[in-house]
Amino acid sequence: MWFISISSKIEKYQRIIDKKIERYGVCNTIIIRKIADNDASILLQNAFPTLEKYIDHVHTVDRVPLSVPTDFQNEIKRLFKNMIGLKKRGINLFFTDIDTLNKKC
């Protein structure tokens, strides 16, 4: 299981996205989408592996469990799989040391 960070700092991460697109033509490490009717930055670059036993609750909004639409899940999985593929080829886009953390899981 992987944990992916979410931030409400939209302007900060939009600037980073714009710089990456300008430099590389694409940004697949950060995406901005609506979550529970609010814009959120999804930081795939901050992902790290974890065990299910460390997840202590389901995120809720007004006591209703937050569900992620299937198309959004698929987008995250696709981008994440691409990042893992790049890592295997020696291009590390992750901020965390996912190899060491994976060994501990």
N, C-alpha and C. Protein backbone atom coordinates (compact mmCIF):
# COMPACT_ATOMS: atom_id res chain seq x y z
N MET A 1 0.85 -1.17 0.00
CA MET A 1 0.00 0.00 0.00
C MET A 1 0.90 1.24 0.00
N TRP A 2 0.49 2.23 -0.72
CA TRP A 2 1.25 3.48 -0.81
C TRP A 2 0.41 4.63 -0.26
N PHE A 3 1.08 5.56 0.40
CA PHE A 3 0.45 6.76 0.91
C PHE A 3 0.90 7.91 0.03
N ILE A 4 -0.05 8.72 -0.43
CA ILE A 4 0.24 9.87 -1.28
C ILE A 4 -0.23 11.13 -0.56
N SER A 5 0.64 12.14 -0.53
CA SER A 5 0.32 13.39 0.16
C SER A 5 -0.64 14.25 -0.65
N ILE A 6 -1.46 14.98 0.09
CA ILE A 6 -2.39 15.94 -0.51
C ILE A 6 -2.18 17.27 0.20
N SER A 7 -2.20 18.35 -0.57
CA SER A 7 -2.00 19.68 0.00
C SER A 7 -3.06 20.64 -0.52
N SER A 8 -3.38 21.61 0.29
CA SER A 8 -4.32 22.66 -0.14
C SER A 8 -3.58 23.87 -0.72
N LYS A 9 -2.27 23.81 -0.81
CA LYS A 9 -1.46 24.92 -1.35
C LYS A 9 -1.44 24.87 -2.88
N ILE A 10 -2.53 25.27 -3.45
CA ILE A 10 -2.72 25.16 -4.90
C ILE A 10 -1.77 26.08 -5.67
N GLU A 11 -1.67 27.33 -5.28
CA GLU A 11 -0.83 28.28 -6.01
C GLU A 11 0.63 27.85 -5.99
N LYS A 12 1.10 27.41 -4.83
CA LYS A 12 2.49 26.95 -4.70
C LYS A 12 2.78 25.83 -5.68
N TYR A 13 1.91 24.81 -5.69
CA TYR A 13 2.16 23.65 -6.53
C TYR A 13 1.85 23.91 -7.99
N GLN A 14 0.95 24.85 -8.28
CA GLN A 14 0.71 25.21 -9.68
C GLN A 14 1.96 25.84 -10.28
N ARG A 15 2.66 26.66 -9.51
CA ARG A 15 3.92 27.25 -9.99
C ARG A 15 4.95 26.16 -10.28
N ILE A 16 5.04 25.17 -9.42
CA ILE A 16 5.98 24.07 -9.62
C ILE A 16 5.60 23.27 -10.86
N ILE A 17 4.31 23.00 -11.02
CA ILE A 17 3.83 22.28 -12.21
C ILE A 17 4.20 23.05 -13.47
N ASP A 18 3.94 24.37 -13.46
CA ASP A 18 4.23 25.21 -14.63
C ASP A 18 5.72 25.18 -14.97
N LYS A 19 6.58 25.25 -13.96
CA LYS A 19 8.04 25.21 -14.20
C LYS A 19 8.47 23.87 -14.77
N LYS A 20 7.89 22.78 -14.26
CA LYS A 20 8.24 21.45 -14.79
C LYS A 20 7.77 21.30 -16.23
N ILE A 21 6.58 21.78 -16.53
CA ILE A 21 6.08 21.70 -17.90
C ILE A 21 6.95 22.53 -18.83
N GLU A 22 7.35 23.72 -18.38
CA GLU A 22 8.22 24.58 -19.19
C GLU A 22 9.56 23.89 -19.45
N ARG A 23 10.10 23.23 -18.44
CA ARG A 23 11.42 22.62 -18.55
C ARG A 23 11.39 21.26 -19.25
N TYR A 24 10.41 20.41 -18.90
CA TYR A 24 10.40 19.03 -19.40
C TYR A 24 9.25 18.72 -20.37
N GLY A 25 8.30 19.65 -20.48
CA GLY A 25 7.16 19.43 -21.36
C GLY A 25 6.02 18.68 -20.71
N VAL A 26 6.22 18.21 -19.47
CA VAL A 26 5.21 17.44 -18.76
C VAL A 26 5.49 17.51 -17.26
N CYS A 27 4.44 17.32 -16.48
CA CYS A 27 4.59 17.18 -15.03
C CYS A 27 3.70 16.02 -14.61
N ASN A 28 4.33 14.92 -14.22
CA ASN A 28 3.55 13.77 -13.78
C ASN A 28 3.78 13.44 -12.31
N THR A 29 4.34 14.38 -11.56
CA THR A 29 4.61 14.17 -10.14
C THR A 29 3.64 14.90 -9.23
N ILE A 30 2.94 15.88 -9.77
CA ILE A 30 1.95 16.67 -9.02
C ILE A 30 0.74 16.89 -9.93
N ILE A 31 -0.44 16.66 -9.39
CA ILE A 31 -1.65 17.00 -10.14
C ILE A 31 -2.59 17.77 -9.22
N ILE A 32 -3.39 18.61 -9.82
CA ILE A 32 -4.36 19.40 -9.06
C ILE A 32 -5.75 18.98 -9.52
N ARG A 33 -6.55 18.56 -8.57
CA ARG A 33 -7.91 18.10 -8.86
C ARG A 33 -8.85 18.51 -7.73
N LYS A 34 -10.13 18.41 -7.98
CA LYS A 34 -11.14 18.66 -6.95
C LYS A 34 -11.27 17.42 -6.07
N ILE A 35 -11.21 17.63 -4.77
CA ILE A 35 -11.46 16.56 -3.80
C ILE A 35 -12.42 17.14 -2.77
N ALA A 36 -13.55 16.52 -2.62
CA ALA A 36 -14.59 16.98 -1.70
C ALA A 36 -14.93 18.45 -1.95
N ASP A 37 -15.12 18.79 -3.22
CA ASP A 37 -15.51 20.14 -3.65
C ASP A 37 -14.46 21.21 -3.44
N ASN A 38 -13.23 20.83 -3.12
CA ASN A 38 -12.13 21.78 -2.97
C ASN A 38 -10.97 21.37 -3.85
N ASP A 39 -10.26 22.37 -4.40
CA ASP A 39 -9.05 22.05 -5.15
C ASP A 39 -8.00 21.51 -4.20
N ALA A 40 -7.25 20.52 -4.67
CA ALA A 40 -6.18 19.93 -3.86
C ALA A 40 -5.03 19.55 -4.77
N SER A 41 -3.83 19.68 -4.24
CA SER A 41 -2.63 19.24 -4.94
C SER A 41 -2.31 17.83 -4.47
N ILE A 42 -2.22 16.91 -5.42
CA ILE A 42 -1.89 15.53 -5.11
C ILE A 42 -0.41 15.36 -5.43
N LEU A 43 0.37 15.06 -4.41
CA LEU A 43 1.82 15.05 -4.52
C LEU A 43 2.34 13.62 -4.65
N LEU A 44 2.33 13.12 -5.86
CA LEU A 44 2.83 11.77 -6.12
C LEU A 44 4.32 11.67 -5.78
N GLN A 45 5.04 12.77 -5.91
CA GLN A 45 6.47 12.79 -5.63
C GLN A 45 6.77 12.53 -4.15
N ASN A 46 5.78 12.71 -3.29
CA ASN A 46 5.97 12.49 -1.85
C ASN A 46 5.45 11.13 -1.40
N ALA A 47 5.08 10.28 -2.34
CA ALA A 47 4.52 8.96 -2.01
C ALA A 47 5.53 8.13 -1.24
N PHE A 48 4.99 7.27 -0.37
CA PHE A 48 5.84 6.32 0.33
C PHE A 48 5.04 5.08 0.68
N PRO A 49 5.72 3.94 0.73
CA PRO A 49 5.02 2.69 1.05
C PRO A 49 4.68 2.62 2.53
N THR A 50 3.57 1.98 2.83
CA THR A 50 3.17 1.79 4.23
C THR A 50 2.39 0.49 4.34
N LEU A 51 2.18 0.06 5.55
CA LEU A 51 1.38 -1.12 5.80
C LEU A 51 -0.01 -0.70 6.22
N GLU A 52 -1.01 -1.49 5.88
CA GLU A 52 -2.39 -1.16 6.19
C GLU A 52 -2.61 -0.97 7.69
N LYS A 53 -1.85 -1.67 8.51
CA LYS A 53 -2.03 -1.56 9.97
C LYS A 53 -1.73 -0.15 10.49
N TYR A 54 -1.01 0.66 9.71
CA TYR A 54 -0.69 2.01 10.14
C TYR A 54 -1.77 3.03 9.74
N ILE A 55 -2.76 2.61 8.98
CA ILE A 55 -3.86 3.49 8.60
C ILE A 55 -4.93 3.33 9.69
N ASP A 56 -5.15 4.40 10.44
CA ASP A 56 -6.03 4.26 11.60
C ASP A 56 -7.47 4.73 11.37
N HIS A 57 -7.75 5.40 10.24
CA HIS A 57 -9.12 5.82 9.99
C HIS A 57 -9.32 6.16 8.52
N VAL A 58 -10.55 6.14 8.12
CA VAL A 58 -10.94 6.56 6.77
C VAL A 58 -11.17 8.06 6.82
N HIS A 59 -10.68 8.76 5.79
CA HIS A 59 -10.90 10.21 5.74
C HIS A 59 -12.37 10.48 5.45
N THR A 60 -12.95 11.39 6.20
CA THR A 60 -14.36 11.73 6.02
C THR A 60 -14.53 13.23 5.83
N VAL A 61 -15.64 13.58 5.21
CA VAL A 61 -16.06 14.98 5.07
C VAL A 61 -17.48 15.02 5.61
N ASP A 62 -17.70 15.80 6.64
CA ASP A 62 -19.00 15.85 7.32
C ASP A 62 -19.48 14.44 7.71
N ARG A 63 -18.54 13.67 8.22
CA ARG A 63 -18.76 12.29 8.70
C ARG A 63 -19.15 11.29 7.61
N VAL A 64 -18.97 11.67 6.36
CA VAL A 64 -19.22 10.76 5.25
C VAL A 64 -17.86 10.35 4.68
N PRO A 65 -17.61 9.04 4.58
CA PRO A 65 -16.33 8.60 4.02
C PRO A 65 -16.10 9.17 2.62
N LEU A 66 -14.91 9.66 2.41
CA LEU A 66 -14.56 10.24 1.12
C LEU A 66 -14.19 9.13 0.16
N SER A 67 -14.84 9.11 -0.98
CA SER A 67 -14.50 8.11 -2.00
C SER A 67 -13.83 8.81 -3.18
N VAL A 68 -12.94 8.10 -3.80
CA VAL A 68 -12.20 8.64 -4.94
C VAL A 68 -12.80 8.03 -6.21
N PRO A 69 -13.27 8.88 -7.13
CA PRO A 69 -13.86 8.36 -8.36
C PRO A 69 -12.88 7.45 -9.11
N THR A 70 -13.41 6.45 -9.78
CA THR A 70 -12.60 5.45 -10.48
C THR A 70 -11.66 6.08 -11.50
N ASP A 71 -12.14 7.06 -12.27
CA ASP A 71 -11.27 7.67 -13.27
C ASP A 71 -10.10 8.41 -12.62
N PHE A 72 -10.33 9.00 -11.47
CA PHE A 72 -9.26 9.68 -10.73
C PHE A 72 -8.28 8.66 -10.16
N GLN A 73 -8.79 7.54 -9.64
CA GLN A 73 -7.93 6.46 -9.16
C GLN A 73 -7.04 5.95 -10.29
N ASN A 74 -7.64 5.77 -11.46
CA ASN A 74 -6.89 5.28 -12.61
C ASN A 74 -5.80 6.25 -13.04
N GLU A 75 -6.10 7.54 -12.99
CA GLU A 75 -5.10 8.55 -13.35
C GLU A 75 -3.93 8.50 -12.38
N ILE A 76 -4.22 8.42 -11.09
CA ILE A 76 -3.16 8.35 -10.08
C ILE A 76 -2.33 7.08 -10.29
N LYS A 77 -2.99 5.96 -10.50
CA LYS A 77 -2.27 4.69 -10.71
C LYS A 77 -1.38 4.76 -11.95
N ARG A 78 -1.90 5.35 -13.01
CA ARG A 78 -1.12 5.45 -14.26
C ARG A 78 0.13 6.31 -14.06
N LEU A 79 -0.05 7.46 -13.44
CA LEU A 79 1.09 8.35 -13.20
C LEU A 79 2.10 7.71 -12.24
N PHE A 80 1.58 7.05 -11.21
CA PHE A 80 2.44 6.42 -10.23
C PHE A 80 3.23 5.27 -10.87
N LYS A 81 2.57 4.48 -11.70
CA LYS A 81 3.24 3.37 -12.38
C LYS A 81 4.35 3.91 -13.28
N ASN A 82 4.09 5.02 -13.94
CA ASN A 82 5.10 5.67 -14.77
C ASN A 82 6.29 6.10 -13.93
N MET A 83 6.04 6.69 -12.76
CA MET A 83 7.12 7.13 -11.88
C MET A 83 7.95 5.94 -11.39
N ILE A 84 7.29 4.83 -11.06
CA ILE A 84 8.00 3.62 -10.63
C ILE A 84 8.86 3.09 -11.77
N GLY A 85 8.32 3.12 -12.99
CA GLY A 85 9.08 2.68 -14.16
C GLY A 85 10.32 3.53 -14.38
N LEU A 86 10.16 4.84 -14.24
CA LEU A 86 11.31 5.73 -14.38
C LEU A 86 12.35 5.46 -13.29
N LYS A 87 11.88 5.20 -12.08
CA LYS A 87 12.80 4.90 -10.97
C LYS A 87 13.62 3.66 -11.28
N LYS A 88 12.97 2.64 -11.82
CA LYS A 88 13.67 1.40 -12.18
C LYS A 88 14.74 1.64 -13.24
N ARG A 89 14.55 2.68 -14.06
CA ARG A 89 15.53 3.02 -15.09
C ARG A 89 16.55 4.05 -14.61
N GLY A 90 16.50 4.37 -13.30
CA GLY A 90 17.50 5.27 -12.73
C GLY A 90 17.08 6.73 -12.62
N ILE A 91 15.85 7.04 -12.96
CA ILE A 91 15.35 8.42 -12.86
C ILE A 91 14.41 8.47 -11.66
N ASN A 92 14.91 8.99 -10.55
CA ASN A 92 14.13 9.00 -9.31
C ASN A 92 13.38 10.32 -9.16
N LEU A 93 12.07 10.27 -9.22
CA LEU A 93 11.24 11.46 -9.05
C LEU A 93 10.63 11.56 -7.66
N PHE A 94 10.94 10.58 -6.79
CA PHE A 94 10.40 10.56 -5.43
C PHE A 94 11.31 11.32 -4.48
N PHE A 95 10.71 12.05 -3.53
CA PHE A 95 11.48 12.74 -2.51
C PHE A 95 11.88 11.81 -1.38
N THR A 96 11.07 10.78 -1.14
CA THR A 96 11.36 9.83 -0.07
C THR A 96 12.25 8.70 -0.60
N ASP A 97 12.95 8.04 0.31
CA ASP A 97 13.78 6.88 -0.05
C ASP A 97 12.88 5.65 -0.06
N ILE A 98 12.15 5.47 -1.14
CA ILE A 98 11.14 4.42 -1.20
C ILE A 98 11.76 3.02 -1.17
N ASP A 99 13.00 2.88 -1.63
CA ASP A 99 13.63 1.55 -1.61
C ASP A 99 13.86 1.07 -0.18
N THR A 100 14.38 1.95 0.67
CA THR A 100 14.63 1.59 2.07
C THR A 100 13.30 1.35 2.79
N LEU A 101 12.31 2.20 2.55
CA LEU A 101 11.01 2.03 3.19
C LEU A 101 10.33 0.74 2.73
N ASN A 102 10.47 0.39 1.45
CA ASN A 102 9.88 -0.85 0.96
C ASN A 102 10.47 -2.06 1.67
N LYS A 103 11.75 -2.03 1.94
CA LYS A 103 12.42 -3.15 2.64
C LYS A 103 11.88 -3.30 4.06
N LYS A 104 11.50 -2.18 4.68
CA LYS A 104 11.00 -2.22 6.04
C LYS A 104 9.54 -2.68 6.11
N CYS A 105 8.81 -2.52 4.99
CA CYS A 105 7.40 -2.96 4.96
C CYS A 105 7.39 -4.43 4.75
